[in-house]
C-alpha atoms as a PDB file:
ATOM      1  CA  MET A   1     -15.793 -54.365 -57.586  1.00  0.00           C
ATOM      2  CA  THR A   2     -15.462 -51.186 -59.625  1.00  0.00           C
ATOM      3  CA  TYR A   3     -17.672 -48.671 -59.358  1.00  0.00           C
ATOM      4  CA  ALA A   4     -18.826 -47.821 -63.275  1.00  0.00           C
ATOM      5  CA  PRO A   5     -18.897 -44.901 -64.139  1.00  0.00           C
ATOM      6  CA  SER A   6     -22.399 -43.425 -65.566  1.00  0.00           C
ATOM      7  CA  LYS A   7     -25.313 -41.489 -64.202  1.00  0.00           C
ATOM      8  CA  LEU A   8     -28.005 -42.902 -62.092  1.00  0.00           C
ATOM      9  CA  LEU A   9     -29.948 -45.785 -63.472  1.00  0.00           C
ATOM     10  CA  THR A  10     -33.659 -46.032 -62.454  1.00  0.00           C
ATOM     11  CA  PHE A  11     -34.598 -49.947 -61.862  1.00  0.00           C
ATOM     12  CA  GLU A  12     -36.252 -50.192 -64.667  1.00  0.00           C
ATOM     13  CA  ASP A  13     -33.208 -49.022 -66.817  1.00  0.00           C
ATOM     14  CA  PHE A  14     -31.003 -51.381 -65.099  1.00  0.00           C
ATOM     15  CA  LEU A  15     -33.338 -54.607 -65.578  1.00  0.00           C
ATOM     16  CA  ALA A  16     -33.049 -53.494 -69.914  1.00  0.00           C
ATOM     17  CA  GLN A  17     -29.379 -53.085 -69.788  1.00  0.00           C
ATOM     18  CA  TYR A  18     -28.402 -55.373 -67.250  1.00  0.00           C
ATOM     19  CA  ARG A  19     -31.087 -58.060 -66.680  1.00  0.00           C
ATOM     20  CA  ASP A  20     -28.394 -60.889 -68.263  1.00  0.00           C
ATOM     21  CA  ASN A  21     -25.067 -59.817 -67.150  1.00  0.00           C
ATOM     22  CA  PRO A  22     -23.424 -61.106 -64.157  1.00  0.00           C
ATOM     23  CA  CYS A  23     -21.014 -59.015 -63.983  1.00  0.00           C
ATOM     24  CA  TYR A  24     -23.352 -55.896 -62.328  1.00  0.00           C
ATOM     25  CA  GLU A  25     -25.903 -55.581 -59.809  1.00  0.00           C
ATOM     26  CA  LEU A  26     -27.082 -52.522 -58.733  1.00  0.00           C
ATOM     27  CA  ALA A  27     -26.881 -50.209 -55.649  1.00  0.00           C
ATOM     28  CA  ASP A  28     -28.941 -46.902 -55.300  1.00  0.00           C
ATOM     29  CA  GLY A  29     -28.875 -46.465 -58.452  1.00  0.00           C
ATOM     30  CA  GLU A  30     -24.964 -46.819 -59.279  1.00  0.00           C
ATOM     31  CA  LEU A  31     -23.802 -49.410 -61.670  1.00  0.00           C
ATOM     32  CA  LEU A  32     -21.752 -52.029 -59.686  1.00  0.00           C
ATOM     33  CA  ASP A  33     -19.318 -53.757 -61.572  1.00  0.00           C
ATOM     34  CA  MET A  34     -18.525 -57.380 -60.051  1.00  0.00           C
ATOM     35  CA  GLU A  35     -16.043 -58.238 -61.274  1.00  0.00           C
ATOM     36  CA  PRO A  36     -16.005 -62.283 -60.684  1.00  0.00           C
ATOM     37  CA  THR A  37     -12.912 -64.535 -61.506  1.00  0.00           C
ATOM     38  CA  GLY A  38     -12.316 -67.929 -61.828  1.00  0.00           C
ATOM     39  CA  PRO A  39     -11.384 -69.132 -58.631  1.00  0.00           C
ATOM     40  CA  HIS A  40     -14.853 -67.130 -57.301  1.00  0.00           C
ATOM     41  CA  GLU A  41     -16.762 -68.420 -59.912  1.00  0.00           C
ATOM     42  CA  THR A  42     -15.207 -72.218 -58.954  1.00  0.00           C
ATOM     43  CA  VAL A  43     -16.505 -72.038 -55.575  1.00  0.00           C
ATOM     44  CA  GLY A  44     -19.941 -71.195 -55.657  1.00  0.00           C
ATOM     45  CA  GLY A  45     -20.212 -73.718 -58.661  1.00  0.00           C
ATOM     46  CA  LYS A  46     -19.284 -76.237 -56.022  1.00  0.00           C
ATOM     47  CA  LEU A  47     -21.510 -74.920 -53.049  1.00  0.00           C
ATOM     48  CA  ALA A  48     -23.956 -74.981 -55.431  1.00  0.00           C
ATOM     49  CA  THR A  49     -24.113 -78.113 -56.259  1.00  0.00           C
ATOM     50  CA  LYS A  50     -23.342 -79.355 -52.498  1.00  0.00           C
ATOM     51  CA  ILE A  51     -27.073 -76.750 -51.749  1.00  0.00           C
ATOM     52  CA  GLY A  52     -28.655 -78.731 -55.233  1.00  0.00           C
ATOM     53  CA  ILE A  53     -27.562 -82.094 -53.612  1.00  0.00           C
ATOM     54  CA  ALA A  54     -29.279 -81.579 -50.325  1.00  0.00           C
ATOM     55  CA  ILE A  55     -32.452 -80.070 -51.605  1.00  0.00           C
ATOM     56  CA  THR A  56     -32.741 -82.651 -53.710  1.00  0.00           C
ATOM     57  CA  ASN A  57     -32.123 -85.386 -51.393  1.00  0.00           C
ATOM     58  CA  ALA A  58     -35.062 -83.617 -48.108  1.00  0.00           C
ATOM     59  CA  GLN A  59     -37.523 -83.322 -51.230  1.00  0.00           C
ATOM     60  CA  LEU A  60     -37.965 -79.637 -50.398  1.00  0.00           C
ATOM     61  CA  PRO A  61     -40.442 -77.211 -52.932  1.00  0.00           C
ATOM     62  CA  TRP A  62     -36.632 -75.116 -53.112  1.00  0.00           C
ATOM     63  CA  PHE A  63     -34.628 -74.063 -56.434  1.00  0.00           C
ATOM     64  CA  ILE A  64     -31.585 -72.628 -57.506  1.00  0.00           C
ATOM     65  CA  PRO A  65     -32.134 -70.762 -60.671  1.00  0.00           C
ATOM     66  CA  ARG A  66     -29.488 -70.120 -63.581  1.00  0.00           C
ATOM     67  CA  ASN A  67     -29.995 -65.836 -63.317  1.00  0.00           C
ATOM     68  CA  CYS A  68     -31.843 -64.366 -60.737  1.00  0.00           C
ATOM     69  CA  LEU A  69     -31.898 -60.594 -59.396  1.00  0.00           C
ATOM     70  CA  ILE A  70     -33.280 -59.342 -55.802  1.00  0.00           C
ATOM     71  CA  ARG A  71     -35.242 -55.876 -54.990  1.00  0.00           C
ATOM     72  CA  PRO A  72     -34.789 -55.485 -51.995  1.00  0.00           C
ATOM     73  CA  PHE A  73     -36.402 -52.463 -51.181  1.00  0.00           C
ATOM     74  CA  ALA A  74     -39.495 -51.502 -53.892  1.00  0.00           C
ATOM     75  CA  ASP A  75     -38.507 -47.645 -53.132  1.00  0.00           C
ATOM     76  CA  ALA A  76     -35.028 -47.607 -53.461  1.00  0.00           C
ATOM     77  CA  ILE A  77     -32.652 -48.415 -56.364  1.00  0.00           C
ATOM     78  CA  THR A  78     -31.372 -51.212 -55.819  1.00  0.00           C
ATOM     79  CA  ALA A  79     -30.843 -55.006 -57.349  1.00  0.00           C
ATOM     80  CA  ARG A  80     -29.053 -57.434 -55.874  1.00  0.00           C
ATOM     81  CA  ARG A  81     -27.308 -60.678 -57.479  1.00  0.00           C
ATOM     82  CA  PRO A  82     -26.597 -63.218 -54.798  1.00  0.00           C
ATOM     83  CA  ASP A  83     -23.855 -65.847 -55.976  1.00  0.00           C
ATOM     84  CA  ILE A  84     -26.335 -68.246 -54.769  1.00  0.00           C
ATOM     85  CA  VAL A  85     -30.314 -67.804 -54.725  1.00  0.00           C
ATOM     86  CA  VAL A  86     -32.317 -70.477 -53.212  1.00  0.00           C
ATOM     87  CA  LEU A  87     -36.428 -69.600 -54.033  1.00  0.00           C
ATOM     88  CA  ASP A  88     -39.337 -71.702 -52.650  1.00  0.00           C
ATOM     89  CA  GLU A  89     -41.013 -72.748 -55.791  1.00  0.00           C
ATOM     90  CA  THR A  90     -44.420 -72.685 -53.795  1.00  0.00           C
ATOM     91  CA  VAL A  91     -44.465 -68.778 -53.105  1.00  0.00           C
ATOM     92  CA  LEU A  92     -43.826 -67.453 -56.872  1.00  0.00           C
ATOM     93  CA  LEU A  93     -47.049 -67.412 -57.918  1.00  0.00           C
ATOM     94  CA  SER A  94     -47.435 -64.167 -55.284  1.00  0.00           C
ATOM     95  CA  GLU A  95     -43.770 -62.495 -56.772  1.00  0.00           C
ATOM     96  CA  PRO A  96     -45.296 -59.437 -58.402  1.00  0.00           C
ATOM     97  CA  LEU A  97     -43.115 -59.289 -61.919  1.00  0.00           C
ATOM     98  CA  TRP A  98     -41.627 -63.013 -61.716  1.00  0.00           C
ATOM     99  CA  GLU A  99     -43.600 -64.061 -64.845  1.00  0.00           C
ATOM    100  CA  GLN A 100     -42.240 -61.775 -67.110  1.00  0.00           C
ATOM    101  CA  GLU A 101     -38.477 -60.879 -64.706  1.00  0.00           C
ATOM    102  CA  PRO A 102     -35.870 -63.532 -62.951  1.00  0.00           C
ATOM    103  CA  VAL A 103     -36.611 -61.004 -60.544  1.00  0.00           C
ATOM    104  CA  ILE A 104     -37.520 -61.433 -56.479  1.00  0.00           C
ATOM    105  CA  THR A 105     -39.152 -58.888 -54.312  1.00  0.00           C
ATOM    106  CA  LEU A 106     -40.657 -60.416 -51.474  1.00  0.00           C
ATOM    107  CA  GLY A 107     -38.358 -61.970 -49.316  1.00  0.00           C
ATOM    108  CA  ARG A 108     -40.498 -65.197 -47.865  1.00  0.00           C
ATOM    109  CA  SER A 109     -39.659 -66.584 -51.712  1.00  0.00           C
ATOM    110  CA  ILE A 110     -36.031 -66.762 -50.313  1.00  0.00           C
ATOM    111  CA  GLU A 111     -34.840 -69.676 -48.415  1.00  0.00           C
ATOM    112  CA  LEU A 112     -30.621 -68.806 -48.497  1.00  0.00           C
ATOM    113  CA  VAL A 113     -28.634 -66.182 -50.409  1.00  0.00           C
ATOM    114  CA  VAL A 114     -24.848 -66.905 -50.563  1.00  0.00           C
ATOM    115  CA  GLU A 115     -22.591 -64.180 -51.599  1.00  0.00           C
ATOM    116  CA  VAL A 116     -18.872 -65.593 -52.199  1.00  0.00           C
ATOM    117  CA  VAL A 117     -16.362 -62.592 -51.671  1.00  0.00           C
ATOM    118  CA  SER A 118     -14.280 -60.614 -52.935  1.00  0.00           C
ATOM    119  CA  THR A 119     -12.916 -57.283 -53.167  1.00  0.00           C
ATOM    120  CA  ASN A 120     -16.544 -55.805 -52.633  1.00  0.00           C
ATOM    121  CA  TRP A 121     -16.154 -58.096 -48.574  1.00  0.00           C
ATOM    122  CA  GLU A 122     -17.349 -54.977 -46.960  1.00  0.00           C
ATOM    123  CA  THR A 123     -20.734 -54.896 -48.981  1.00  0.00           C
ATOM    124  CA  ASP A 124     -21.010 -58.694 -47.939  1.00  0.00           C
ATOM    125  CA  TYR A 125     -20.377 -58.369 -44.547  1.00  0.00           C
ATOM    126  CA  ALA A 126     -22.682 -54.890 -43.704  1.00  0.00           C
ATOM    127  CA  ARG A 127     -25.003 -54.035 -45.954  1.00  0.00           C
ATOM    128  CA  LYS A 128     -26.352 -56.829 -47.479  1.00  0.00           C
ATOM    129  CA  VAL A 129     -25.877 -58.116 -43.880  1.00  0.00           C
ATOM    130  CA  GLU A 130     -28.590 -55.160 -43.288  1.00  0.00           C
ATOM    131  CA  GLU A 131     -30.402 -56.125 -46.619  1.00  0.00           C
ATOM    132  CA  TYR A 132     -31.658 -59.901 -46.519  1.00  0.00           C
ATOM    133  CA  ALA A 133     -32.428 -59.740 -42.789  1.00  0.00           C
ATOM    134  CA  LEU A 134     -34.591 -56.745 -43.433  1.00  0.00           C
ATOM    135  CA  LEU A 135     -35.905 -58.909 -46.238  1.00  0.00           C
ATOM    136  CA  GLY A 136     -36.630 -61.520 -43.775  1.00  0.00           C
ATOM    137  CA  ILE A 137     -34.508 -64.313 -45.635  1.00  0.00           C
ATOM    138  CA  PRO A 138     -33.975 -66.818 -43.173  1.00  0.00           C
ATOM    139  CA  GLU A 139     -29.840 -68.039 -43.793  1.00  0.00           C
ATOM    140  CA  TYR A 140     -27.589 -65.953 -45.087  1.00  0.00           C
ATOM    141  CA  TRP A 141     -23.985 -67.012 -45.593  1.00  0.00           C
ATOM    142  CA  ILE A 142     -20.865 -65.545 -46.526  1.00  0.00           C
ATOM    143  CA  VAL A 143     -18.291 -67.456 -48.560  1.00  0.00           C
ATOM    144  CA  ASP A 144     -14.764 -65.386 -47.224  1.00  0.00           C
ATOM    145  CA  TYR A 145     -12.208 -68.378 -49.110  1.00  0.00           C
ATOM    146  CA  ARG A 146      -9.699 -66.172 -48.967  1.00  0.00           C
ATOM    147  CA  GLY A 147      -9.960 -64.184 -45.678  1.00  0.00           C
ATOM    148  CA  LEU A 148     -10.357 -60.817 -46.960  1.00  0.00           C
ATOM    149  CA  GLY A 149     -12.759 -59.139 -44.546  1.00  0.00           C
ATOM    150  CA  GLY A 150     -11.728 -56.976 -42.397  1.00  0.00           C
ATOM    151  CA  VAL A 151     -10.560 -58.329 -39.118  1.00  0.00           C
ATOM    152  CA  ALA A 152     -13.788 -56.957 -37.220  1.00  0.00           C
ATOM    153  CA  PHE A 153     -15.703 -59.374 -39.145  1.00  0.00           C
ATOM    154  CA  ILE A 154     -13.795 -62.544 -39.275  1.00  0.00           C
ATOM    155  CA  GLY A 155     -11.297 -62.020 -36.390  1.00  0.00           C
ATOM    156  CA  ARG A 156      -7.336 -62.323 -36.434  1.00  0.00           C
ATOM    157  CA  PRO A 157      -5.386 -64.361 -38.184  1.00  0.00           C
ATOM    158  CA  LYS A 158      -7.436 -63.814 -41.084  1.00  0.00           C
ATOM    159  CA  GLN A 159      -8.117 -66.631 -42.507  1.00  0.00           C
ATOM    160  CA  PRO A 160     -10.589 -68.642 -44.901  1.00  0.00           C
ATOM    161  CA  THR A 161     -13.963 -68.067 -43.388  1.00  0.00           C
ATOM    162  CA  PHE A 162     -18.068 -69.697 -43.900  1.00  0.00           C
ATOM    163  CA  THR A 163     -20.205 -67.623 -41.756  1.00  0.00           C
ATOM    164  CA  VAL A 164     -23.697 -69.014 -41.418  1.00  0.00           C
ATOM    165  CA  CYS A 165     -26.023 -65.529 -40.556  1.00  0.00           C
ATOM    166  CA  GLN A 166     -29.353 -67.311 -39.575  1.00  0.00           C
ATOM    167  CA  LEU A 167     -32.642 -64.907 -38.445  1.00  0.00           C
ATOM    168  CA  ILE A 168     -33.423 -65.013 -35.588  1.00  0.00           C
ATOM    169  CA  GLY A 169     -36.743 -62.343 -34.826  1.00  0.00           C
ATOM    170  CA  ASP A 170     -35.281 -59.171 -37.027  1.00  0.00           C
ATOM    171  CA  ASP A 171     -31.923 -59.752 -36.322  1.00  0.00           C
ATOM    172  CA  TYR A 172     -28.977 -62.092 -38.724  1.00  0.00           C
ATOM    173  CA  PHE A 173     -27.163 -64.347 -35.847  1.00  0.00           C
ATOM    174  CA  GLN A 174     -23.483 -65.004 -37.163  1.00  0.00           C
ATOM    175  CA  HIS A 175     -21.334 -68.395 -37.162  1.00  0.00           C
ATOM    176  CA  GLN A 176     -18.415 -68.501 -38.188  1.00  0.00           C
ATOM    177  CA  TYR A 177     -16.964 -72.171 -38.958  1.00  0.00           C
ATOM    178  CA  ARG A 178     -12.877 -71.979 -40.540  1.00  0.00           C
ATOM    179  CA  LEU A 179     -11.098 -75.205 -42.196  1.00  0.00           C
ATOM    180  CA  GLY A 180     -11.708 -78.718 -41.418  1.00  0.00           C
ATOM    181  CA  GLU A 181     -14.952 -77.613 -39.215  1.00  0.00           C
ATOM    182  CA  ALA A 182     -18.538 -79.089 -40.354  1.00  0.00           C
ATOM    183  CA  ILE A 183     -20.718 -76.445 -40.943  1.00  0.00           C
ATOM    184  CA  VAL A 184     -24.294 -76.732 -39.786  1.00  0.00           C
ATOM    185  CA  SER A 185     -27.531 -75.027 -41.131  1.00  0.00           C
ATOM    186  CA  SER A 186     -30.833 -74.918 -39.893  1.00  0.00           C
ATOM    187  CA  ILE A 187     -32.719 -74.397 -43.298  1.00  0.00           C
ATOM    188  CA  LEU A 188     -30.456 -77.551 -44.861  1.00  0.00           C
ATOM    189  CA  PRO A 189     -30.401 -80.262 -41.658  1.00  0.00           C
ATOM    190  CA  ASN A 190     -28.637 -82.646 -44.169  1.00  0.00           C
ATOM    191  CA  LEU A 191     -26.030 -81.433 -46.039  1.00  0.00           C
ATOM    192  CA  GLN A 192     -22.799 -82.204 -45.340  1.00  0.00           C
ATOM    193  CA  LEU A 193     -20.601 -79.519 -45.828  1.00  0.00           C
ATOM    194  CA  ARG A 194     -17.108 -77.817 -44.777  1.00  0.00           C
ATOM    195  CA  LEU A 195     -15.204 -74.969 -46.450  1.00  0.00           C
ATOM    196  CA  ASP A 196     -12.655 -77.165 -47.418  1.00  0.00           C
ATOM    197  CA  ASP A 197     -14.519 -78.849 -50.115  1.00  0.00           C
ATOM    198  CA  ILE A 198     -15.347 -76.283 -51.627  1.00  0.00           C
ATOM    199  CA  LEU A 199     -12.310 -73.651 -52.151  1.00  0.00           C
ATOM    200  CA  PRO A 200     -10.766 -73.552 -55.688  1.00  0.00           C
ATOM    201  CA  ARG A 201      -8.093 -77.010 -55.873  1.00  0.00           C
END
């Protein structure tokens, strides 16, 4: 991830210029260039398919939007663009911006967020953990398919790691999965998934 040099943007300016551009998100008024790669998109696409199948099989009123921004705090100039977001359609009537913009401001609208780790691993493992927990999102998955995260987050030896952050009270409790291990999700108990299933070939 690189930081695009520019003056600070307002949330409204960001929406006007970048709402449909998946390469950018906003953090404290700074434009962040996400620089997605082909393998990154492969992992995200395969995982979205698995999640979609689990949602359909469980007959839940949830869906994965093609394009969605999360505004974690009304008073902050931040707009997150997770790789995958699972929304509860029954709650969207309460979203103040949804009818005009694909922007989520209420944590209760979100069942799951997923970040596929790239060079911005510090943000995925630290800041977003705090932001998504404060929003009250039940689960946050960090898919570090290349083992890029620091050893404080994924341990030694560094290796591909899938972290499930489950919200209990106000904090996320994290469980890590390695290659060959069945991943367990409290919100999608019928999900059949291993990290191996979503790696690029």
